[in-house]
């Protein structure tokens, strides 16, 4: 779906929420005449870097199920920046079973009529319809990996599941990247990712605890090396959307 971009992590510690929210923030800042929606389509809340109270998608479940339009004007008080709107993930995690992929795809189609860009944080689990629908409904799917053994090994095992579900990740993001790590970029490309896939790196900042405490992204903390990496992702999204073409 043109204009819809999903970020998925291979485990809960790879930083997918930080990457997705930072990409949405930079995209909105670079395109102030466009409206951007950041939405968590996963089985739990994901607002650890949002300082104001965020609306849970639970608030709109009945309307999503009935395919009733949700207008952008109804989300004016849910902005986290001038042109950046935010809907958080599920509050009642046990009710994740009430969301289905087809329902989610239909919801995204309607929201695309209201917003120029939609950035989706799909978390790191595949056990609910929001996540599956988000990945199925996006134009580009970004797989976020961390440069460590546990994350890379989990992705290696999960590839069978992704293949079985016919999920193809278009772009790979190596988060928390260090140039001299034993898992070099060339190793990851050769042994973990198919060599023809696009791969971006985002530098390790070493400021994760600070960001969590302050409820701010590294972009908001003006970490230049991190922001430069996110900027390359934003440029990829803009290229896909046709801006500047």
C-alpha atoms as a PDB file:
ATOM      1  CA  UNK A   1       0.000   0.000   0.000  1.00  0.00           C
ATOM      2  CA  UNK A   2       1.757   3.142  -1.207  1.00  0.00           C
ATOM      3  CA  UNK A   3       2.754   5.459   1.606  1.00  0.00           C
ATOM      4  CA  UNK A   4       2.606   2.781   4.330  1.00  0.00           C
ATOM      5  CA  UNK A   5       5.851   1.535   5.874  1.00  0.00           C
ATOM      6  CA  UNK A   6       6.200  -1.179   8.531  1.00  0.00           C
ATOM      7  CA  UNK A   7       9.101  -1.794  10.904  1.00  0.00           C
ATOM      8  CA  UNK A   8       9.472  -5.203  12.540  1.00  0.00           C
ATOM      9  CA  UNK A   9      12.102  -6.459  14.975  1.00  0.00           C
ATOM     10  CA  UNK A  10      13.463  -9.961  15.244  1.00  0.00           C
ATOM     11  CA  UNK A  11      13.362  -9.706  19.050  1.00  0.00           C
ATOM     12  CA  UNK A  12      12.194  -7.320  21.747  1.00  0.00           C
ATOM     13  CA  UNK A  13      15.651  -5.827  22.360  1.00  0.00           C
ATOM     14  CA  UNK A  14      16.641  -4.823  18.845  1.00  0.00           C
ATOM     15  CA  UNK A  15      15.210  -1.292  19.155  1.00  0.00           C
ATOM     16  CA  UNK A  16      12.403  -1.412  16.601  1.00  0.00           C
ATOM     17  CA  UNK A  17      10.260   1.107  18.518  1.00  0.00           C
ATOM     18  CA  UNK A  18      13.120   3.597  18.755  1.00  0.00           C
ATOM     19  CA  UNK A  19      13.868   3.221  15.040  1.00  0.00           C
ATOM     20  CA  UNK A  20      10.225   3.446  13.898  1.00  0.00           C
ATOM     21  CA  UNK A  21       9.393   6.478  16.051  1.00  0.00           C
ATOM     22  CA  UNK A  22      12.607   8.268  15.110  1.00  0.00           C
ATOM     23  CA  UNK A  23      11.916   7.657  11.422  1.00  0.00           C
ATOM     24  CA  UNK A  24       8.403   9.064  11.820  1.00  0.00           C
ATOM     25  CA  UNK A  25       9.752  12.122  13.660  1.00  0.00           C
ATOM     26  CA  UNK A  26      12.372  12.900  11.036  1.00  0.00           C
ATOM     27  CA  UNK A  27       9.938  12.250   8.200  1.00  0.00           C
ATOM     28  CA  UNK A  28       7.424  14.668   9.714  1.00  0.00           C
ATOM     29  CA  UNK A  29      10.088  17.302  10.372  1.00  0.00           C
ATOM     30  CA  UNK A  30      11.393  17.070   6.798  1.00  0.00           C
ATOM     31  CA  UNK A  31       7.889  17.239   5.271  1.00  0.00           C
ATOM     32  CA  UNK A  32       5.976  19.800   7.313  1.00  0.00           C
ATOM     33  CA  UNK A  33       3.319  20.141   4.639  1.00  0.00           C
ATOM     34  CA  UNK A  34       2.508  16.416   4.935  1.00  0.00           C
ATOM     35  CA  UNK A  35       0.611  14.525   7.621  1.00  0.00           C
ATOM     36  CA  UNK A  36       2.314  11.534   9.239  1.00  0.00           C
ATOM     37  CA  UNK A  37       0.691   8.829  11.372  1.00  0.00           C
ATOM     38  CA  UNK A  38       2.817   6.675  13.669  1.00  0.00           C
ATOM     39  CA  UNK A  39       0.879   3.629  14.830  1.00  0.00           C
ATOM     40  CA  UNK A  40       1.789   0.612  16.959  1.00  0.00           C
ATOM     41  CA  UNK A  41       0.256  -2.509  15.468  1.00  0.00           C
ATOM     42  CA  UNK A  42       1.404  -5.072  17.982  1.00  0.00           C
ATOM     43  CA  UNK A  43       0.135  -6.914  21.019  1.00  0.00           C
ATOM     44  CA  UNK A  44       1.002  -4.320  23.656  1.00  0.00           C
ATOM     45  CA  UNK A  45       1.577  -0.634  24.300  1.00  0.00           C
ATOM     46  CA  UNK A  46       4.785   0.768  22.840  1.00  0.00           C
ATOM     47  CA  UNK A  47       4.874   4.375  24.026  1.00  0.00           C
ATOM     48  CA  UNK A  48       8.038   4.321  26.134  1.00  0.00           C
ATOM     49  CA  UNK A  49       9.444   7.297  24.183  1.00  0.00           C
ATOM     50  CA  UNK A  50       6.258   9.386  24.214  1.00  0.00           C
ATOM     51  CA  UNK A  51       5.953  11.925  27.030  1.00  0.00           C
ATOM     52  CA  UNK A  52       2.251  12.707  26.653  1.00  0.00           C
ATOM     53  CA  UNK A  53      -0.681  10.360  27.160  1.00  0.00           C
ATOM     54  CA  UNK A  54      -1.223   8.304  24.021  1.00  0.00           C
ATOM     55  CA  UNK A  55      -4.461   6.858  22.687  1.00  0.00           C
ATOM     56  CA  UNK A  56      -4.571   3.076  22.581  1.00  0.00           C
ATOM     57  CA  UNK A  57      -5.869   1.405  19.449  1.00  0.00           C
ATOM     58  CA  UNK A  58      -8.367  -0.290  21.796  1.00  0.00           C
ATOM     59  CA  UNK A  59     -10.347   2.952  21.748  1.00  0.00           C
ATOM     60  CA  UNK A  60     -11.115   2.413  18.078  1.00  0.00           C
ATOM     61  CA  UNK A  61     -11.536  -1.373  17.980  1.00  0.00           C
ATOM     62  CA  UNK A  62     -15.276  -1.379  17.348  1.00  0.00           C
ATOM     63  CA  UNK A  63     -14.928   1.129  14.516  1.00  0.00           C
ATOM     64  CA  UNK A  64     -12.030  -0.794  12.999  1.00  0.00           C
ATOM     65  CA  UNK A  65     -14.055  -3.998  13.076  1.00  0.00           C
ATOM     66  CA  UNK A  66     -17.071  -2.279  11.519  1.00  0.00           C
ATOM     67  CA  UNK A  67     -14.858  -0.510   8.946  1.00  0.00           C
ATOM     68  CA  UNK A  68     -16.159   2.879  10.085  1.00  0.00           C
ATOM     69  CA  UNK A  69     -13.940   5.806   9.090  1.00  0.00           C
ATOM     70  CA  UNK A  70     -11.643   7.380  11.660  1.00  0.00           C
ATOM     71  CA  UNK A  71     -11.064  10.985  10.619  1.00  0.00           C
ATOM     72  CA  UNK A  72      -7.736  12.739  11.047  1.00  0.00           C
ATOM     73  CA  UNK A  73      -9.541  15.601  12.776  1.00  0.00           C
ATOM     74  CA  UNK A  74     -10.489  13.190  15.563  1.00  0.00           C
ATOM     75  CA  UNK A  75      -6.805  12.661  16.330  1.00  0.00           C
ATOM     76  CA  UNK A  76      -5.829  16.336  16.643  1.00  0.00           C
ATOM     77  CA  UNK A  77      -5.351  15.979  20.389  1.00  0.00           C
ATOM     78  CA  UNK A  78      -3.185  12.884  19.814  1.00  0.00           C
ATOM     79  CA  UNK A  79      -0.348  14.707  18.085  1.00  0.00           C
ATOM     80  CA  UNK A  80       3.202  14.275  19.335  1.00  0.00           C
ATOM     81  CA  UNK A  81       4.518  16.917  16.903  1.00  0.00           C
ATOM     82  CA  UNK A  82       3.029  19.582  14.649  1.00  0.00           C
ATOM     83  CA  UNK A  83       2.153  17.160  11.847  1.00  0.00           C
ATOM     84  CA  UNK A  84       2.846  13.819  13.556  1.00  0.00           C
ATOM     85  CA  UNK A  85      -0.055  11.821  14.984  1.00  0.00           C
ATOM     86  CA  UNK A  86       0.267   8.773  17.205  1.00  0.00           C
ATOM     87  CA  UNK A  87      -1.874   5.759  18.078  1.00  0.00           C
ATOM     88  CA  UNK A  88      -0.423   3.373  20.645  1.00  0.00           C
ATOM     89  CA  UNK A  89      -0.722  -0.413  20.733  1.00  0.00           C
ATOM     90  CA  UNK A  90      -3.142  -2.630  22.618  1.00  0.00           C
ATOM     91  CA  UNK A  91      -3.868  -1.719  26.249  1.00  0.00           C
ATOM     92  CA  UNK A  92      -5.642  -4.988  27.072  1.00  0.00           C
ATOM     93  CA  UNK A  93      -3.137  -7.484  25.747  1.00  0.00           C
ATOM     94  CA  UNK A  94      -5.485 -10.422  26.227  1.00  0.00           C
ATOM     95  CA  UNK A  95      -7.831  -8.891  23.643  1.00  0.00           C
ATOM     96  CA  UNK A  96      -5.291  -9.059  20.842  1.00  0.00           C
ATOM     97  CA  UNK A  97      -7.131 -12.113  19.509  1.00  0.00           C
ATOM     98  CA  UNK A  98     -10.041  -9.881  18.469  1.00  0.00           C
ATOM     99  CA  UNK A  99      -7.961  -8.236  15.725  1.00  0.00           C
ATOM    100  CA  UNK A 100      -7.547  -9.996  12.387  1.00  0.00           C
ATOM    101  CA  UNK A 101      -5.178  -9.316   9.463  1.00  0.00           C
ATOM    102  CA  UNK A 102      -7.981  -8.497   7.008  1.00  0.00           C
ATOM    103  CA  UNK A 103      -9.482  -6.042   9.503  1.00  0.00           C
ATOM    104  CA  UNK A 104      -6.106  -4.363   9.940  1.00  0.00           C
ATOM    105  CA  UNK A 105      -5.463  -4.063   6.203  1.00  0.00           C
ATOM    106  CA  UNK A 106      -8.898  -2.492   5.668  1.00  0.00           C
ATOM    107  CA  UNK A 107      -8.177  -0.049   8.511  1.00  0.00           C
ATOM    108  CA  UNK A 108      -4.843   0.958   6.961  1.00  0.00           C
ATOM    109  CA  UNK A 109      -6.508   1.581   3.610  1.00  0.00           C
ATOM    110  CA  UNK A 110      -8.964   3.967   5.237  1.00  0.00           C
ATOM    111  CA  UNK A 111      -6.256   5.717   7.250  1.00  0.00           C
ATOM    112  CA  UNK A 112      -4.175   6.155   4.086  1.00  0.00           C
ATOM    113  CA  UNK A 113      -6.998   8.359   2.782  1.00  0.00           C
ATOM    114  CA  UNK A 114      -6.416  10.632   5.798  1.00  0.00           C
ATOM    115  CA  UNK A 115      -2.608  10.682   5.999  1.00  0.00           C
ATOM    116  CA  UNK A 116       0.246  11.190   3.546  1.00  0.00           C
ATOM    117  CA  UNK A 117       2.521   8.755   5.376  1.00  0.00           C
ATOM    118  CA  UNK A 118       1.855   5.924   7.806  1.00  0.00           C
ATOM    119  CA  UNK A 119       4.749   4.470   9.815  1.00  0.00           C
ATOM    120  CA  UNK A 120       3.958   1.212  11.605  1.00  0.00           C
ATOM    121  CA  UNK A 121       5.734  -0.266  14.615  1.00  0.00           C
ATOM    122  CA  UNK A 122       4.789  -3.956  14.428  1.00  0.00           C
ATOM    123  CA  UNK A 123       6.836  -5.017  17.442  1.00  0.00           C
ATOM    124  CA  UNK A 124       8.693  -8.323  17.372  1.00  0.00           C
ATOM    125  CA  UNK A 125       6.027 -11.037  17.667  1.00  0.00           C
ATOM    126  CA  UNK A 126       3.853 -12.609  14.975  1.00  0.00           C
ATOM    127  CA  UNK A 127       1.040 -13.877  17.189  1.00  0.00           C
ATOM    128  CA  UNK A 128      -1.664 -11.282  16.512  1.00  0.00           C
ATOM    129  CA  UNK A 129      -3.651  -9.970  13.574  1.00  0.00           C
ATOM    130  CA  UNK A 130      -2.488  -6.373  13.981  1.00  0.00           C
ATOM    131  CA  UNK A 131       1.135  -7.288  13.335  1.00  0.00           C
ATOM    132  CA  UNK A 132       0.397  -9.632  10.450  1.00  0.00           C
ATOM    133  CA  UNK A 133      -2.035  -7.168   8.879  1.00  0.00           C
ATOM    134  CA  UNK A 134       0.437  -4.319   9.285  1.00  0.00           C
ATOM    135  CA  UNK A 135       3.158  -6.236   7.464  1.00  0.00           C
ATOM    136  CA  UNK A 136       0.760  -7.398   4.768  1.00  0.00           C
ATOM    137  CA  UNK A 137      -0.630  -3.904   4.223  1.00  0.00           C
ATOM    138  CA  UNK A 138       2.668  -2.014   3.956  1.00  0.00           C
ATOM    139  CA  UNK A 139       4.435  -0.939   0.792  1.00  0.00           C
ATOM    140  CA  UNK A 140       7.856  -1.615   2.322  1.00  0.00           C
ATOM    141  CA  UNK A 141       8.701  -3.846   5.278  1.00  0.00           C
ATOM    142  CA  UNK A 142      11.834  -3.009   7.280  1.00  0.00           C
ATOM    143  CA  UNK A 143      13.408  -5.784   9.366  1.00  0.00           C
ATOM    144  CA  UNK A 144      15.348  -4.376  12.331  1.00  0.00           C
ATOM    145  CA  UNK A 145      18.202  -6.529  13.607  1.00  0.00           C
ATOM    146  CA  UNK A 146      20.631  -5.872  16.436  1.00  0.00           C
ATOM    147  CA  UNK A 147      24.299  -6.664  16.010  1.00  0.00           C
ATOM    148  CA  UNK A 148      24.490  -9.455  18.592  1.00  0.00           C
ATOM    149  CA  UNK A 149      24.461 -13.235  18.629  1.00  0.00           C
ATOM    150  CA  UNK A 150      21.080 -13.716  20.338  1.00  0.00           C
ATOM    151  CA  UNK A 151      19.240 -11.466  17.899  1.00  0.00           C
ATOM    152  CA  UNK A 152      20.906 -12.782  14.766  1.00  0.00           C
ATOM    153  CA  UNK A 153      20.408 -16.397  15.805  1.00  0.00           C
ATOM    154  CA  UNK A 154      16.739 -15.770  16.536  1.00  0.00           C
ATOM    155  CA  UNK A 155      16.286 -14.237  13.117  1.00  0.00           C
ATOM    156  CA  UNK A 156      18.000 -17.223  11.527  1.00  0.00           C
ATOM    157  CA  UNK A 157      15.449 -19.523  13.214  1.00  0.00           C
ATOM    158  CA  UNK A 158      12.468 -17.276  12.456  1.00  0.00           C
ATOM    159  CA  UNK A 159      13.236 -17.087   8.745  1.00  0.00           C
ATOM    160  CA  UNK A 160      11.392 -20.399   8.297  1.00  0.00           C
ATOM    161  CA  UNK A 161       8.289 -18.823   9.844  1.00  0.00           C
ATOM    162  CA  UNK A 162       8.570 -15.694   7.706  1.00  0.00           C
ATOM    163  CA  UNK A 163       9.018 -17.829   4.603  1.00  0.00           C
ATOM    164  CA  UNK A 164       6.015 -19.984   5.536  1.00  0.00           C
ATOM    165  CA  UNK A 165       3.909 -16.822   5.874  1.00  0.00           C
ATOM    166  CA  UNK A 166       5.279 -15.492   2.576  1.00  0.00           C
ATOM    167  CA  UNK A 167       6.698 -12.403   4.289  1.00  0.00           C
ATOM    168  CA  UNK A 168       9.489 -10.767   2.371  1.00  0.00           C
ATOM    169  CA  UNK A 169      11.373  -7.992   4.123  1.00  0.00           C
ATOM    170  CA  UNK A 170      12.407  -5.376   1.588  1.00  0.00           C
ATOM    171  CA  UNK A 171      14.960  -3.475   3.652  1.00  0.00           C
ATOM    172  CA  UNK A 172      17.166  -4.540   6.567  1.00  0.00           C
ATOM    173  CA  UNK A 173      18.295  -2.234   9.357  1.00  0.00           C
ATOM    174  CA  UNK A 174      21.272  -3.212  11.510  1.00  0.00           C
ATOM    175  CA  UNK A 175      20.649  -1.255  14.701  1.00  0.00           C
ATOM    176  CA  UNK A 176      23.140  -0.548  17.506  1.00  0.00           C
ATOM    177  CA  UNK A 177      25.879  -0.989  14.926  1.00  0.00           C
ATOM    178  CA  UNK A 178      29.597  -0.920  15.727  1.00  0.00           C
ATOM    179  CA  UNK A 179      32.224  -0.984  12.985  1.00  0.00           C
ATOM    180  CA  UNK A 180      34.652  -3.294  14.781  1.00  0.00           C
ATOM    181  CA  UNK A 181      32.146  -5.818  16.089  1.00  0.00           C
ATOM    182  CA  UNK A 182      32.877  -9.508  15.487  1.00  0.00           C
ATOM    183  CA  UNK A 183      29.586  -9.652  13.569  1.00  0.00           C
ATOM    184  CA  UNK A 184      30.734  -7.365  10.791  1.00  0.00           C
ATOM    185  CA  UNK A 185      28.416  -5.934   8.176  1.00  0.00           C
ATOM    186  CA  UNK A 186      29.911  -8.224   5.529  1.00  0.00           C
ATOM    187  CA  UNK A 187      29.373 -11.273   7.785  1.00  0.00           C
ATOM    188  CA  UNK A 188      25.739 -10.356   8.423  1.00  0.00           C
ATOM    189  CA  UNK A 189      25.087  -9.793   4.728  1.00  0.00           C
ATOM    190  CA  UNK A 190      26.691 -13.096   3.752  1.00  0.00           C
ATOM    191  CA  UNK A 191      25.442 -15.396   6.510  1.00  0.00           C
ATOM    192  CA  UNK A 192      22.200 -13.807   7.764  1.00  0.00           C
ATOM    193  CA  UNK A 193      20.708 -11.693   4.968  1.00  0.00           C
ATOM    194  CA  UNK A 194      20.447 -12.437   1.279  1.00  0.00           C
ATOM    195  CA  UNK A 195      23.194 -10.415  -0.365  1.00  0.00           C
ATOM    196  CA  UNK A 196      20.886  -8.623  -2.814  1.00  0.00           C
ATOM    197  CA  UNK A 197      18.745  -7.021  -0.088  1.00  0.00           C
ATOM    198  CA  UNK A 198      19.111  -3.373   0.892  1.00  0.00           C
ATOM    199  CA  UNK A 199      20.898  -2.959   4.229  1.00  0.00           C
ATOM    200  CA  UNK A 200      21.198   0.189   6.364  1.00  0.00           C
ATOM    201  CA  UNK A 201      23.176   0.627   9.573  1.00  0.00           C
ATOM    202  CA  UNK A 202      22.372   2.798  12.593  1.00  0.00           C
ATOM    203  CA  UNK A 203      25.157   3.480  15.063  1.00  0.00           C
ATOM    204  CA  UNK A 204      25.086   2.368  18.679  1.00  0.00           C
ATOM    205  CA  UNK A 205      24.698   5.431  20.921  1.00  0.00           C
ATOM    206  CA  UNK A 206      25.198   3.849  24.326  1.00  0.00           C
ATOM    207  CA  UNK A 207      22.410   6.107  25.682  1.00  0.00           C
ATOM    208  CA  UNK A 208      19.509   3.656  25.897  1.00  0.00           C
ATOM    209  CA  UNK A 209      18.936   4.039  29.647  1.00  0.00           C
ATOM    210  CA  UNK A 210      18.980   7.827  29.347  1.00  0.00           C
ATOM    211  CA  UNK A 211      16.422   7.724  26.528  1.00  0.00           C
ATOM    212  CA  UNK A 212      14.116   5.420  28.493  1.00  0.00           C
ATOM    213  CA  UNK A 213      14.341   7.583  31.609  1.00  0.00           C
ATOM    214  CA  UNK A 214      13.648  10.810  29.708  1.00  0.00           C
ATOM    215  CA  UNK A 215      11.050   9.154  27.431  1.00  0.00           C
ATOM    216  CA  UNK A 216      12.774  10.652  24.396  1.00  0.00           C
ATOM    217  CA  UNK A 217      14.150   9.177  21.199  1.00  0.00           C
ATOM    218  CA  UNK A 218      17.785   9.613  20.234  1.00  0.00           C
ATOM    219  CA  UNK A 219      16.519  11.916  17.491  1.00  0.00           C
ATOM    220  CA  UNK A 220      14.995  14.202  20.123  1.00  0.00           C
ATOM    221  CA  UNK A 221      18.233  13.969  22.095  1.00  0.00           C
ATOM    222  CA  UNK A 222      20.002  15.245  18.955  1.00  0.00           C
ATOM    223  CA  UNK A 223      22.405  12.325  18.711  1.00  0.00           C
ATOM    224  CA  UNK A 224      23.919  13.119  15.322  1.00  0.00           C
ATOM    225  CA  UNK A 225      25.314   9.697  14.394  1.00  0.00           C
ATOM    226  CA  UNK A 226      21.993   8.013  15.165  1.00  0.00           C
ATOM    227  CA  UNK A 227      20.014  10.719  13.373  1.00  0.00           C
ATOM    228  CA  UNK A 228      22.223  10.404  10.296  1.00  0.00           C
ATOM    229  CA  UNK A 229      21.355   6.693  10.081  1.00  0.00           C
ATOM    230  CA  UNK A 230      17.655   7.398  10.498  1.00  0.00           C
ATOM    231  CA  UNK A 231      17.950  10.111   7.874  1.00  0.00           C
ATOM    232  CA  UNK A 232      19.048   7.511   5.332  1.00  0.00           C
ATOM    233  CA  UNK A 233      15.955   5.437   6.131  1.00  0.00           C
ATOM    234  CA  UNK A 234      13.749   8.511   5.716  1.00  0.00           C
ATOM    235  CA  UNK A 235      15.364   9.214   2.337  1.00  0.00           C
ATOM    236  CA  UNK A 236      14.547   5.630   1.319  1.00  0.00           C
ATOM    237  CA  UNK A 237      10.927   6.131   2.356  1.00  0.00           C
ATOM    238  CA  UNK A 238      10.699   9.428   0.470  1.00  0.00           C
ATOM    239  CA  UNK A 239      12.169   7.761  -2.608  1.00  0.00           C
ATOM    240  CA  UNK A 240       9.546   5.044  -2.424  1.00  0.00           C
ATOM    241  CA  UNK A 241       6.774   7.614  -2.062  1.00  0.00           C
ATOM    242  CA  UNK A 242       7.994   9.603  -5.069  1.00  0.00           C
ATOM    243  CA  UNK A 243       8.907  12.798  -3.216  1.00  0.00           C
ATOM    244  CA  UNK A 244      11.804  14.503  -4.904  1.00  0.00           C
ATOM    245  CA  UNK A 245      11.615  12.151  -7.878  1.00  0.00           C
END
